C-alpha atoms as a PDB file:
ATOM      1  CA  UNK A   1     128.903 156.846 100.664  1.00  0.00           C
ATOM      2  CA  UNK A   2     125.818 157.981 102.553  1.00  0.00           C
ATOM      3  CA  UNK A   3     123.643 157.094  99.567  1.00  0.00           C
ATOM      4  CA  UNK A   4     125.123 153.585  99.490  1.00  0.00           C
ATOM      5  CA  UNK A   5     124.470 153.144 103.228  1.00  0.00           C
ATOM      6  CA  UNK A   6     120.864 154.294 102.775  1.00  0.00           C
ATOM      7  CA  UNK A   7     120.351 151.806  99.936  1.00  0.00           C
ATOM      8  CA  UNK A   8     121.808 148.960 101.991  1.00  0.00           C
ATOM      9  CA  UNK A   9     119.690 149.948 104.997  1.00  0.00           C
ATOM     10  CA  UNK A  10     116.534 149.966 102.904  1.00  0.00           C
ATOM     11  CA  UNK A  11     117.470 146.601 101.404  1.00  0.00           C
ATOM     12  CA  UNK A  12     118.068 145.146 104.867  1.00  0.00           C
ATOM     13  CA  UNK A  13     114.739 146.498 106.110  1.00  0.00           C
ATOM     14  CA  UNK A  14     112.953 145.050 103.048  1.00  0.00           C
ATOM     15  CA  UNK A  15     114.540 141.633 103.593  1.00  0.00           C
ATOM     16  CA  UNK A  16     113.657 141.747 107.293  1.00  0.00           C
ATOM     17  CA  UNK A  17     110.048 142.696 106.565  1.00  0.00           C
ATOM     18  CA  UNK A  18     109.790 139.919 103.969  1.00  0.00           C
ATOM     19  CA  UNK A  19     111.263 137.389 106.408  1.00  0.00           C
ATOM     20  CA  UNK A  20     108.908 138.436 109.202  1.00  0.00           C
ATOM     21  CA  UNK A  21     105.923 138.334 106.805  1.00  0.00           C
ATOM     22  CA  UNK A  22     106.764 134.818 105.592  1.00  0.00           C
ATOM     23  CA  UNK A  23     107.293 133.657 109.175  1.00  0.00           C
ATOM     24  CA  UNK A  24     103.934 135.111 110.196  1.00  0.00           C
ATOM     25  CA  UNK A  25     102.160 133.447 107.253  1.00  0.00           C
ATOM     26  CA  UNK A  26     103.848 130.117 108.137  1.00  0.00           C
ATOM     27  CA  UNK A  27     102.647 130.340 111.723  1.00  0.00           C
ATOM     28  CA  UNK A  28      99.115 131.203 110.579  1.00  0.00           C
ATOM     29  CA  UNK A  29      99.020 128.227 108.184  1.00  0.00           C
ATOM     30  CA  UNK A  30     100.535 125.839 110.731  1.00  0.00           C
ATOM     31  CA  UNK A  31      97.872 126.885 113.223  1.00  0.00           C
ATOM     32  CA  UNK A  32      95.139 126.668 110.596  1.00  0.00           C
ATOM     33  CA  UNK A  33      96.076 123.343 108.978  1.00  0.00           C
ATOM     34  CA  UNK A  34      98.278 121.711 111.586  1.00  0.00           C
ATOM     35  CA  UNK A  35      95.726 119.184 112.883  1.00  0.00           C
ATOM     36  CA  UNK A  36      96.554 116.770 110.045  1.00  0.00           C
ATOM     37  CA  UNK A  37      95.498 113.140 109.585  1.00  0.00           C
ATOM     38  CA  UNK A  38      94.433 111.040 112.517  1.00  0.00           C
ATOM     39  CA  UNK A  39      97.104 108.637 113.768  1.00  0.00           C
ATOM     40  CA  UNK A  40      96.800 105.169 112.229  1.00  0.00           C
ATOM     41  CA  UNK A  41      96.214 102.267 114.652  1.00  0.00           C
ATOM     42  CA  UNK A  42      98.966  99.656 114.663  1.00  0.00           C
ATOM     43  CA  UNK A  43      98.476  96.200 113.197  1.00  0.00           C
ATOM     44  CA  UNK A  44      98.471  94.673 116.685  1.00  0.00           C
ATOM     45  CA  UNK A  45      95.772  97.125 117.773  1.00  0.00           C
ATOM     46  CA  UNK A  46      93.622  96.232 114.758  1.00  0.00           C
ATOM     47  CA  UNK A  47      94.095  92.505 115.350  1.00  0.00           C
ATOM     48  CA  UNK A  48      92.897  92.950 118.929  1.00  0.00           C
ATOM     49  CA  UNK A  49      90.029  95.244 117.904  1.00  0.00           C
ATOM     50  CA  UNK A  50      88.625  92.888 115.250  1.00  0.00           C
ATOM     51  CA  UNK A  51      89.691  89.573 116.809  1.00  0.00           C
ATOM     52  CA  UNK A  52      91.614  89.007 113.590  1.00  0.00           C
ATOM     53  CA  UNK A  53      94.685  86.957 112.691  1.00  0.00           C
ATOM     54  CA  UNK A  54      98.081  88.146 111.485  1.00  0.00           C
ATOM     55  CA  UNK A  55      99.098  86.865 108.047  1.00  0.00           C
ATOM     56  CA  UNK A  56     102.805  87.037 107.197  1.00  0.00           C
ATOM     57  CA  UNK A  57     104.723  86.058 104.082  1.00  0.00           C
ATOM     58  CA  UNK A  58     108.189  86.778 102.790  1.00  0.00           C
ATOM     59  CA  UNK A  59     107.023  90.376 102.275  1.00  0.00           C
ATOM     60  CA  UNK A  60     103.290  90.375 102.970  1.00  0.00           C
ATOM     61  CA  UNK A  61     102.009  91.746 106.270  1.00  0.00           C
ATOM     62  CA  UNK A  62      98.239  91.545 106.557  1.00  0.00           C
ATOM     63  CA  UNK A  63      95.217  91.025 108.794  1.00  0.00           C
ATOM     64  CA  UNK A  64      92.711  88.241 108.136  1.00  0.00           C
ATOM     65  CA  UNK A  65      89.284  88.997 109.517  1.00  0.00           C
ATOM     66  CA  UNK A  66      87.388  86.208 111.344  1.00  0.00           C
ATOM     67  CA  UNK A  67      85.654  83.720 109.067  1.00  0.00           C
ATOM     68  CA  UNK A  68      82.610  83.090 111.271  1.00  0.00           C
ATOM     69  CA  UNK A  69      80.498  85.553 109.263  1.00  0.00           C
ATOM     70  CA  UNK A  70      81.718  84.488 105.822  1.00  0.00           C
ATOM     71  CA  UNK A  71      78.809  83.596 103.544  1.00  0.00           C
ATOM     72  CA  UNK A  72      80.231  84.482 100.122  1.00  0.00           C
ATOM     73  CA  UNK A  73      82.683  82.406  98.063  1.00  0.00           C
ATOM     74  CA  UNK A  74      86.123  83.725  97.275  1.00  0.00           C
ATOM     75  CA  UNK A  75      88.369  86.310  98.927  1.00  0.00           C
ATOM     76  CA  UNK A  76      88.605  90.094  98.875  1.00  0.00           C
ATOM     77  CA  UNK A  77      92.037  91.641  99.465  1.00  0.00           C
ATOM     78  CA  UNK A  78      91.979  95.296 100.537  1.00  0.00           C
ATOM     79  CA  UNK A  79      94.948  97.684 100.350  1.00  0.00           C
ATOM     80  CA  UNK A  80      95.277 101.172 101.792  1.00  0.00           C
ATOM     81  CA  UNK A  81      97.088 104.089 100.179  1.00  0.00           C
ATOM     82  CA  UNK A  82     100.052 106.370 100.750  1.00  0.00           C
ATOM     83  CA  UNK A  83      98.996 106.894 104.382  1.00  0.00           C
ATOM     84  CA  UNK A  84     100.370 103.413 105.047  1.00  0.00           C
ATOM     85  CA  UNK A  85      97.218 101.748 106.382  1.00  0.00           C
ATOM     86  CA  UNK A  86      95.546  98.462 105.403  1.00  0.00           C
ATOM     87  CA  UNK A  87      92.203 100.250 104.902  1.00  0.00           C
ATOM     88  CA  UNK A  88      90.598  98.641 107.977  1.00  0.00           C
ATOM     89  CA  UNK A  89      87.328 100.618 107.728  1.00  0.00           C
ATOM     90  CA  UNK A  90      86.505  99.192 104.289  1.00  0.00           C
ATOM     91  CA  UNK A  91      87.761  95.753 105.300  1.00  0.00           C
ATOM     92  CA  UNK A  92      85.491  95.719 108.349  1.00  0.00           C
ATOM     93  CA  UNK A  93      82.477  96.773 106.300  1.00  0.00           C
ATOM     94  CA  UNK A  94      83.038  94.017 103.746  1.00  0.00           C
ATOM     95  CA  UNK A  95      83.589  91.480 106.512  1.00  0.00           C
ATOM     96  CA  UNK A  96      80.226  92.413 108.009  1.00  0.00           C
ATOM     97  CA  UNK A  97      78.641  91.843 104.589  1.00  0.00           C
ATOM     98  CA  UNK A  98      79.859  88.244 104.607  1.00  0.00           C
ATOM     99  CA  UNK A  99      83.106  88.414 102.597  1.00  0.00           C
ATOM    100  CA  UNK A 100      86.339  86.626 103.395  1.00  0.00           C
ATOM    101  CA  UNK A 101      88.612  89.676 103.822  1.00  0.00           C
ATOM    102  CA  UNK A 102      92.369  90.111 103.953  1.00  0.00           C
ATOM    103  CA  UNK A 103      93.494  93.679 104.777  1.00  0.00           C
ATOM    104  CA  UNK A 104      97.068  94.079 103.536  1.00  0.00           C
ATOM    105  CA  UNK A 105      99.894  96.550 104.063  1.00  0.00           C
ATOM    106  CA  UNK A 106     102.367  97.138 101.249  1.00  0.00           C
ATOM    107  CA  UNK A 107     104.968  99.231 103.094  1.00  0.00           C
ATOM    108  CA  UNK A 108     105.800 100.516 106.546  1.00  0.00           C
ATOM    109  CA  UNK A 109     105.573  97.255 108.506  1.00  0.00           C
ATOM    110  CA  UNK A 110     108.411  95.179 109.901  1.00  0.00           C
ATOM    111  CA  UNK A 111     110.091  93.307 107.057  1.00  0.00           C
ATOM    112  CA  UNK A 112     108.685  95.656 104.419  1.00  0.00           C
ATOM    113  CA  UNK A 113     109.990  98.744 102.674  1.00  0.00           C
ATOM    114  CA  UNK A 114     109.967 101.483 105.336  1.00  0.00           C
ATOM    115  CA  UNK A 115     108.597 103.998 102.822  1.00  0.00           C
ATOM    116  CA  UNK A 116     106.621 103.833  99.597  1.00  0.00           C
ATOM    117  CA  UNK A 117     109.645 103.163  97.387  1.00  0.00           C
ATOM    118  CA  UNK A 118     110.343 100.163  95.133  1.00  0.00           C
ATOM    119  CA  UNK A 119     107.677  98.049  96.805  1.00  0.00           C
ATOM    120  CA  UNK A 120     108.047  94.534  95.315  1.00  0.00           C
ATOM    121  CA  UNK A 121     105.024  93.382  93.354  1.00  0.00           C
ATOM    122  CA  UNK A 122     106.003  89.855  94.372  1.00  0.00           C
ATOM    123  CA  UNK A 123     104.056  90.482  97.561  1.00  0.00           C
ATOM    124  CA  UNK A 124     101.216  88.921  95.567  1.00  0.00           C
ATOM    125  CA  UNK A 125     103.120  85.614  95.558  1.00  0.00           C
ATOM    126  CA  UNK A 126     102.610  85.586  99.334  1.00  0.00           C
ATOM    127  CA  UNK A 127      98.869  86.068  98.817  1.00  0.00           C
ATOM    128  CA  UNK A 128      98.842  83.198  96.325  1.00  0.00           C
ATOM    129  CA  UNK A 129     100.700  80.940  98.772  1.00  0.00           C
ATOM    130  CA  UNK A 130      98.268  81.880 101.525  1.00  0.00           C
ATOM    131  CA  UNK A 131      95.298  81.084  99.266  1.00  0.00           C
ATOM    132  CA  UNK A 132      96.839  77.732  98.327  1.00  0.00           C
ATOM    133  CA  UNK A 133      97.286  76.859 101.994  1.00  0.00           C
ATOM    134  CA  UNK A 134      93.547  77.402 102.453  1.00  0.00           C
ATOM    135  CA  UNK A 135      92.487  75.531  99.312  1.00  0.00           C
ATOM    136  CA  UNK A 136      90.808  78.632  97.843  1.00  0.00           C
ATOM    137  CA  UNK A 137      92.676  79.104  94.568  1.00  0.00           C
ATOM    138  CA  UNK A 138      89.644  78.181  92.445  1.00  0.00           C
ATOM    139  CA  UNK A 139      87.349  80.752  94.071  1.00  0.00           C
ATOM    140  CA  UNK A 140      86.917  84.388  92.954  1.00  0.00           C
ATOM    141  CA  UNK A 141      89.680  86.752  94.024  1.00  0.00           C
ATOM    142  CA  UNK A 142      89.066  90.501  94.131  1.00  0.00           C
ATOM    143  CA  UNK A 143      91.673  93.163  94.909  1.00  0.00           C
ATOM    144  CA  UNK A 144      90.687  96.659  96.087  1.00  0.00           C
ATOM    145  CA  UNK A 145      92.984  99.676  96.370  1.00  0.00           C
ATOM    146  CA  UNK A 146      92.713 103.423  96.650  1.00  0.00           C
ATOM    147  CA  UNK A 147      95.075 106.085  95.276  1.00  0.00           C
ATOM    148  CA  UNK A 148      98.615 104.623  95.490  1.00  0.00           C
ATOM    149  CA  UNK A 149      96.924 101.375  96.498  1.00  0.00           C
ATOM    150  CA  UNK A 150      94.971 101.534  93.233  1.00  0.00           C
ATOM    151  CA  UNK A 151      98.238 102.085  91.371  1.00  0.00           C
ATOM    152  CA  UNK A 152      99.565  98.947  93.090  1.00  0.00           C
ATOM    153  CA  UNK A 153      96.463  96.857  92.305  1.00  0.00           C
ATOM    154  CA  UNK A 154      96.532  97.867  88.627  1.00  0.00           C
ATOM    155  CA  UNK A 155     100.184  96.842  88.371  1.00  0.00           C
ATOM    156  CA  UNK A 156      99.402  93.499  90.012  1.00  0.00           C
ATOM    157  CA  UNK A 157      96.406  92.873  87.743  1.00  0.00           C
ATOM    158  CA  UNK A 158      98.466  93.067  84.539  1.00  0.00           C
ATOM    159  CA  UNK A 159     101.023  90.563  85.885  1.00  0.00           C
ATOM    160  CA  UNK A 160      98.988  87.966  87.812  1.00  0.00           C
ATOM    161  CA  UNK A 161      96.199  86.214  85.850  1.00  0.00           C
ATOM    162  CA  UNK A 162      94.802  84.588  89.009  1.00  0.00           C
ATOM    163  CA  UNK A 163      93.251  87.961  89.919  1.00  0.00           C
ATOM    164  CA  UNK A 164      89.617  87.893  88.808  1.00  0.00           C
ATOM    165  CA  UNK A 165      88.368  91.367  89.709  1.00  0.00           C
ATOM    166  CA  UNK A 166      89.772  94.724  90.767  1.00  0.00           C
ATOM    167  CA  UNK A 167      88.277  97.850  92.323  1.00  0.00           C
ATOM    168  CA  UNK A 168      90.258 101.078  91.941  1.00  0.00           C
ATOM    169  CA  UNK A 169      89.396 104.212  93.908  1.00  0.00           C
ATOM    170  CA  UNK A 170      90.923 107.353  92.322  1.00  0.00           C
ATOM    171  CA  UNK A 171      93.309 105.347  90.117  1.00  0.00           C
ATOM    172  CA  UNK A 172      96.395 106.218  88.087  1.00  0.00           C
ATOM    173  CA  UNK A 173      97.207 105.391  84.468  1.00  0.00           C
ATOM    174  CA  UNK A 174     100.931 105.392  85.176  1.00  0.00           C
ATOM    175  CA  UNK A 175     103.451 104.207  87.723  1.00  0.00           C
ATOM    176  CA  UNK A 176     104.753 107.280  89.531  1.00  0.00           C
ATOM    177  CA  UNK A 177     107.730 108.276  91.644  1.00  0.00           C
ATOM    178  CA  UNK A 178     108.333 107.007  95.169  1.00  0.00           C
ATOM    179  CA  UNK A 179     107.037 108.911  98.192  1.00  0.00           C
ATOM    180  CA  UNK A 180     109.934 109.303 100.616  1.00  0.00           C
ATOM    181  CA  UNK A 181     111.160 111.864 103.138  1.00  0.00           C
ATOM    182  CA  UNK A 182     114.559 112.055 101.457  1.00  0.00           C
ATOM    183  CA  UNK A 183     113.872 114.340  98.497  1.00  0.00           C
ATOM    184  CA  UNK A 184     117.374 113.762  97.085  1.00  0.00           C
ATOM    185  CA  UNK A 185     116.394 110.253  95.973  1.00  0.00           C
ATOM    186  CA  UNK A 186     114.504 109.625  92.759  1.00  0.00           C
ATOM    187  CA  UNK A 187     112.963 106.149  92.755  1.00  0.00           C
ATOM    188  CA  UNK A 188     110.046 104.197  91.404  1.00  0.00           C
ATOM    189  CA  UNK A 189     107.201 103.324  93.722  1.00  0.00           C
ATOM    190  CA  UNK A 190     107.356  99.687  92.574  1.00  0.00           C
ATOM    191  CA  UNK A 191     109.755  96.927  91.637  1.00  0.00           C
ATOM    192  CA  UNK A 192     109.281  93.605  89.876  1.00  0.00           C
ATOM    193  CA  UNK A 193     111.769  90.772  89.472  1.00  0.00           C
ATOM    194  CA  UNK A 194     114.380  92.842  91.311  1.00  0.00           C
ATOM    195  CA  UNK A 195     114.090  95.774  88.895  1.00  0.00           C
ATOM    196  CA  UNK A 196     112.336  99.103  89.480  1.00  0.00           C
ATOM    197  CA  UNK A 197     109.320  99.701  87.248  1.00  0.00           C
ATOM    198  CA  UNK A 198     109.500 102.553  84.772  1.00  0.00           C
ATOM    199  CA  UNK A 199     107.903 105.592  86.360  1.00  0.00           C
ATOM    200  CA  UNK A 200     107.008 109.241  85.863  1.00  0.00           C
ATOM    201  CA  UNK A 201     108.980 111.721  87.929  1.00  0.00           C
ATOM    202  CA  UNK A 202     109.880 115.392  88.291  1.00  0.00           C
ATOM    203  CA  UNK A 203     113.506 114.591  87.475  1.00  0.00           C
ATOM    204  CA  UNK A 204     113.577 111.258  85.665  1.00  0.00           C
ATOM    205  CA  UNK A 205     113.187 111.370  81.829  1.00  0.00           C
ATOM    206  CA  UNK A 206     111.431 114.721  82.111  1.00  0.00           C
ATOM    207  CA  UNK A 207     111.584 117.963  80.112  1.00  0.00           C
ATOM    208  CA  UNK A 208     111.015 121.133  82.100  1.00  0.00           C
ATOM    209  CA  UNK A 209     107.936 122.542  80.428  1.00  0.00           C
ATOM    210  CA  UNK A 210     106.404 125.871  81.538  1.00  0.00           C
ATOM    211  CA  UNK A 211     103.657 123.951  83.369  1.00  0.00           C
ATOM    212  CA  UNK A 212     106.185 121.803  85.244  1.00  0.00           C
ATOM    213  CA  UNK A 213     108.341 124.815  86.105  1.00  0.00           C
ATOM    214  CA  UNK A 214     105.299 126.624  87.477  1.00  0.00           C
ATOM    215  CA  UNK A 215     104.248 123.531  89.434  1.00  0.00           C
ATOM    216  CA  UNK A 216     107.684 123.129  91.041  1.00  0.00           C
ATOM    217  CA  UNK A 217     107.860 126.819  92.007  1.00  0.00           C
ATOM    218  CA  UNK A 218     104.343 126.638  93.465  1.00  0.00           C
ATOM    219  CA  UNK A 219     105.254 123.531  95.493  1.00  0.00           C
ATOM    220  CA  UNK A 220     108.373 125.244  96.845  1.00  0.00           C
ATOM    221  CA  UNK A 221     106.427 128.369  97.764  1.00  0.00           C
ATOM    222  CA  UNK A 222     103.675 126.369  99.462  1.00  0.00           C
ATOM    223  CA  UNK A 223     106.322 124.531 101.457  1.00  0.00           C
ATOM    224  CA  UNK A 224     107.939 127.809 102.457  1.00  0.00           C
ATOM    225  CA  UNK A 225     104.685 129.226 103.837  1.00  0.00           C
ATOM    226  CA  UNK A 226     103.488 125.851 105.256  1.00  0.00           C
ATOM    227  CA  UNK A 227     100.450 125.723 102.988  1.00  0.00           C
ATOM    228  CA  UNK A 228      99.124 122.197 102.283  1.00  0.00           C
ATOM    229  CA  UNK A 229      99.931 121.455  98.653  1.00  0.00           C
ATOM    230  CA  UNK A 230      97.450 120.830  95.879  1.00  0.00           C
ATOM    231  CA  UNK A 231      99.236 118.122  93.895  1.00  0.00           C
ATOM    232  CA  UNK A 232      96.945 117.636  90.892  1.00  0.00           C
ATOM    233  CA  UNK A 233      98.707 120.260  88.786  1.00  0.00           C
ATOM    234  CA  UNK A 234     102.203 118.887  89.538  1.00  0.00           C
ATOM    235  CA  UNK A 235     101.091 115.356  88.652  1.00  0.00           C
ATOM    236  CA  UNK A 236      99.506 116.598  85.423  1.00  0.00           C
ATOM    237  CA  UNK A 237     102.648 118.590  84.600  1.00  0.00           C
ATOM    238  CA  UNK A 238     104.874 115.556  85.247  1.00  0.00           C
ATOM    239  CA  UNK A 239     102.687 113.440  82.963  1.00  0.00           C
ATOM    240  CA  UNK A 240     102.824 116.091  80.224  1.00  0.00           C
ATOM    241  CA  UNK A 241     106.597 116.569  80.497  1.00  0.00           C
ATOM    242  CA  UNK A 242     107.572 112.884  80.735  1.00  0.00           C
ATOM    243  CA  UNK A 243     109.550 111.413  77.867  1.00  0.00           C
ATOM    244  CA  UNK A 244     108.844 107.843  78.978  1.00  0.00           C
ATOM    245  CA  UNK A 245     105.057 107.930  79.274  1.00  0.00           C
ATOM    246  CA  UNK A 246     104.457 104.741  77.315  1.00  0.00           C
ATOM    247  CA  UNK A 247     107.024 102.767  79.313  1.00  0.00           C
ATOM    248  CA  UNK A 248     105.553 104.022  82.598  1.00  0.00           C
ATOM    249  CA  UNK A 249     101.948 103.438  81.524  1.00  0.00           C
ATOM    250  CA  UNK A 250     100.142 100.611  83.315  1.00  0.00           C
ATOM    251  CA  UNK A 251      98.839  98.430  80.415  1.00  0.00           C
ATOM    252  CA  UNK A 252      95.561  97.514  82.090  1.00  0.00           C
ATOM    253  CA  UNK A 253      94.170  96.295  78.759  1.00  0.00           C
ATOM    254  CA  UNK A 254      96.184  93.122  79.469  1.00  0.00           C
ATOM    255  CA  UNK A 255      93.943  92.367  82.437  1.00  0.00           C
ATOM    256  CA  UNK A 256      91.253  89.873  81.421  1.00  0.00           C
ATOM    257  CA  UNK A 257      89.013  90.268  84.463  1.00  0.00           C
ATOM    258  CA  UNK A 258      86.461  92.804  85.668  1.00  0.00           C
ATOM    259  CA  UNK A 259      87.306  96.294  86.882  1.00  0.00           C
ATOM    260  CA  UNK A 260      85.254  98.850  88.813  1.00  0.00           C
ATOM    261  CA  UNK A 261      86.702 102.353  88.992  1.00  0.00           C
ATOM    262  CA  UNK A 262      85.667 105.307  91.153  1.00  0.00           C
ATOM    263  CA  UNK A 263      86.780 108.942  91.023  1.00  0.00           C
ATOM    264  CA  UNK A 264      85.661 112.511  91.669  1.00  0.00           C
ATOM    265  CA  UNK A 265      85.766 115.436  89.236  1.00  0.00           C
ATOM    266  CA  UNK A 266      87.394 117.741  91.816  1.00  0.00           C
ATOM    267  CA  UNK A 267      90.243 115.428  92.827  1.00  0.00           C
ATOM    268  CA  UNK A 268      92.958 117.778  94.142  1.00  0.00           C
ATOM    269  CA  UNK A 269      95.560 115.058  94.783  1.00  0.00           C
ATOM    270  CA  UNK A 270      95.972 113.868  91.188  1.00  0.00           C
ATOM    271  CA  UNK A 271      94.045 113.306  87.955  1.00  0.00           C
ATOM    272  CA  UNK A 272      92.089 110.289  89.204  1.00  0.00           C
ATOM    273  CA  UNK A 273      88.969 111.236  87.243  1.00  0.00           C
ATOM    274  CA  UNK A 274      90.887 111.413  83.948  1.00  0.00           C
ATOM    275  CA  UNK A 275      92.586 108.095  84.678  1.00  0.00           C
ATOM    276  CA  UNK A 276      89.305 106.374  85.600  1.00  0.00           C
ATOM    277  CA  UNK A 277      87.668 107.522  82.364  1.00  0.00           C
ATOM    278  CA  UNK A 278      90.604 106.466  80.187  1.00  0.00           C
ATOM    279  CA  UNK A 279      91.091 103.114  81.900  1.00  0.00           C
ATOM    280  CA  UNK A 280      87.391 102.266  81.649  1.00  0.00           C
ATOM    281  CA  UNK A 281      87.625 102.601  77.864  1.00  0.00           C
ATOM    282  CA  UNK A 282      90.201  99.799  77.637  1.00  0.00           C
ATOM    283  CA  UNK A 283      87.734  96.933  78.073  1.00  0.00           C
ATOM    284  CA  UNK A 284      83.979  96.300  78.008  1.00  0.00           C
ATOM    285  CA  UNK A 285      84.508  94.538  81.371  1.00  0.00           C
ATOM    286  CA  UNK A 286      85.627  97.804  82.975  1.00  0.00           C
ATOM    287  CA  UNK A 287      83.158 100.280  84.468  1.00  0.00           C
ATOM    288  CA  UNK A 288      83.818 103.744  85.896  1.00  0.00           C
ATOM    289  CA  UNK A 289      81.671 105.917  88.155  1.00  0.00           C
ATOM    290  CA  UNK A 290      82.850 109.522  88.359  1.00  0.00           C
ATOM    291  CA  UNK A 291      81.076 111.744  90.864  1.00  0.00           C
ATOM    292  CA  UNK A 292      80.550 115.452  90.270  1.00  0.00           C
ATOM    293  CA  UNK A 293      82.234 117.785  92.787  1.00  0.00           C
ATOM    294  CA  UNK A 294      83.768 114.901  94.755  1.00  0.00           C
ATOM    295  CA  UNK A 295      87.472 114.884  95.559  1.00  0.00           C
ATOM    296  CA  UNK A 296      90.238 112.345  96.050  1.00  0.00           C
ATOM    297  CA  UNK A 297      88.707 110.597  99.071  1.00  0.00           C
ATOM    298  CA  UNK A 298      85.058 109.688  99.570  1.00  0.00           C
ATOM    299  CA  UNK A 299      84.628 110.313 103.280  1.00  0.00           C
ATOM    300  CA  UNK A 300      81.667 111.382 105.365  1.00  0.00           C
ATOM    301  CA  UNK A 301      82.554 113.891 108.105  1.00  0.00           C
ATOM    302  CA  UNK A 302      85.759 114.486 106.171  1.00  0.00           C
ATOM    303  CA  UNK A 303      87.073 117.352 108.303  1.00  0.00           C
ATOM    304  CA  UNK A 304      86.678 115.251 111.445  1.00  0.00           C
ATOM    305  CA  UNK A 305      88.519 112.322 109.848  1.00  0.00           C
ATOM    306  CA  UNK A 306      91.203 114.167 107.891  1.00  0.00           C
ATOM    307  CA  UNK A 307      91.574 117.630 109.427  1.00  0.00           C
ATOM    308  CA  UNK A 308      91.180 121.150 108.122  1.00  0.00           C
ATOM    309  CA  UNK A 309      93.664 120.637 105.296  1.00  0.00           C
ATOM    310  CA  UNK A 310      91.325 118.246 103.470  1.00  0.00           C
ATOM    311  CA  UNK A 311      89.996 120.759 100.950  1.00  0.00           C
ATOM    312  CA  UNK A 312      93.430 121.690  99.609  1.00  0.00           C
ATOM    313  CA  UNK A 313      94.887 118.185  99.818  1.00  0.00           C
ATOM    314  CA  UNK A 314      91.925 116.124  98.616  1.00  0.00           C
ATOM    315  CA  UNK A 315      89.412 118.481  97.008  1.00  0.00           C
ATOM    316  CA  UNK A 316      85.670 118.387  96.505  1.00  0.00           C
ATOM    317  CA  UNK A 317      82.892 119.567  98.782  1.00  0.00           C
ATOM    318  CA  UNK A 318      81.717 118.018 102.029  1.00  0.00           C
ATOM    319  CA  UNK A 319      78.324 117.206 100.513  1.00  0.00           C
ATOM    320  CA  UNK A 320      79.739 115.716  97.307  1.00  0.00           C
ATOM    321  CA  UNK A 321      82.320 113.610  99.144  1.00  0.00           C
ATOM    322  CA  UNK A 322      79.659 112.256 101.502  1.00  0.00           C
ATOM    323  CA  UNK A 323      77.378 111.516  98.533  1.00  0.00           C
ATOM    324  CA  UNK A 324      80.215 109.752  96.702  1.00  0.00           C
ATOM    325  CA  UNK A 325      80.953 107.705  99.833  1.00  0.00           C
ATOM    326  CA  UNK A 326      77.362 106.465 100.006  1.00  0.00           C
ATOM    327  CA  UNK A 327      76.873 105.862  96.270  1.00  0.00           C
ATOM    328  CA  UNK A 328      80.235 104.120  95.780  1.00  0.00           C
ATOM    329  CA  UNK A 329      79.478 101.872  98.777  1.00  0.00           C
ATOM    330  CA  UNK A 330      76.158 100.888  97.190  1.00  0.00           C
ATOM    331  CA  UNK A 331      77.779 100.178  93.818  1.00  0.00           C
ATOM    332  CA  UNK A 332      80.600  98.223  95.427  1.00  0.00           C
ATOM    333  CA  UNK A 333      78.114  96.115  97.408  1.00  0.00           C
ATOM    334  CA  UNK A 334      76.058  95.335  94.291  1.00  0.00           C
ATOM    335  CA  UNK A 335      79.138  94.581  92.182  1.00  0.00           C
ATOM    336  CA  UNK A 336      80.851  92.326  94.716  1.00  0.00           C
ATOM    337  CA  UNK A 337      77.609  90.424  95.230  1.00  0.00           C
ATOM    338  CA  UNK A 338      77.582  89.714  91.488  1.00  0.00           C
ATOM    339  CA  UNK A 339      81.281  88.798  91.290  1.00  0.00           C
ATOM    340  CA  UNK A 340      81.128  86.595  94.399  1.00  0.00           C
ATOM    341  CA  UNK A 341      77.578  85.344  93.980  1.00  0.00           C
END
C-alpha cells in the first residue's frame, strides 16, 4: 500500500512539474512573441487618409484612389491577404506612379464573409460592372494579390477572360482550406456558382501520412506552448497527403494573359517558392522571380511592421526581405509600365 502511495505521489509531482514547466514556457513565449501584427486601419480611415472613394457591389467592398494623378491607361486592382486588408501600402505606391487603382477587400467587411471561408469568386462581377460604369472595359486590367490574395487572383484569372495581367506574391498552386476561428469546420476558402471549390485540407480527402501526422502534432505542441507556428511543413504535408490534388489544383495554364510571380526561398508560411517556379513553367507569358533567403513577405523594417514573431511565421532574413522588397518593387514598376504603356 505504501509503495502504491509513493508511486502515485511521484506521478502527481511529475504531472505538476510538467504542468508548471509548460505554463512557464507559454508565458515566456507570450511575452516574447505577443506583440503581433499591427492593427489594420478601417476602410473609413483609409478613405479619409487617401481622400479616396468607397466602391460597393453586391459583394465587393473596395477603395478607389483619386484619379487626379492617373496618367496610365487601364486599371490595377490590388487585394490583400489573410490579414484581411486591401493592401493599402501597395495601392498608394501604384497610385503615386500614375495608375488607376482599386484596393479591394475579399472578406471581413460589412456584407462580406466574416472570415476567409467560401469567399465567392463572383466578386469579380462587381469589378466588371464598376469598370463598365466607367467605360473602361477595353483598357488593360491587372490584378495583384499576395499569399491568400494570390490564391484568389489565380482562381479569378482562370475563370474571367477579361483579366489581362496578374501579379502573384508568394502564390499557391492549389485552393486550400478556409481560415476560420472555429476549428471544427472544414471548408474551402472559395466558392463559385454557389458551390465550394475543391480544396486541400488536413481532414478533407486526406490520408494521414507520417509527414502529416508529425505536422499536426507539431502544430498542437506549438499551440500548447504559445509558440508562433511555422506552417510550411503542414502545408507541404497536406499537399502530399491529399487524394484530390488534381481537382484542387488551380489550372493557371487556362489563363491567356501575362503573369508575374514573386517568392522567397525561405518562405516559412507555405511553399510559395515551389508554386511560383511550377506556375511559371505553364506559359511563356509567365515570369517568376524567386529571391534567395527571402521569406513569405517582402517588408523593410519587418520586425517593426510585423512584430517579433516574423521569423517563425514568415521566414527569411531581415536583409533578404528588404532586398526582395526593393527588387520586386523595381520589377513590378517596369512590368506594369510595359503592360499599361
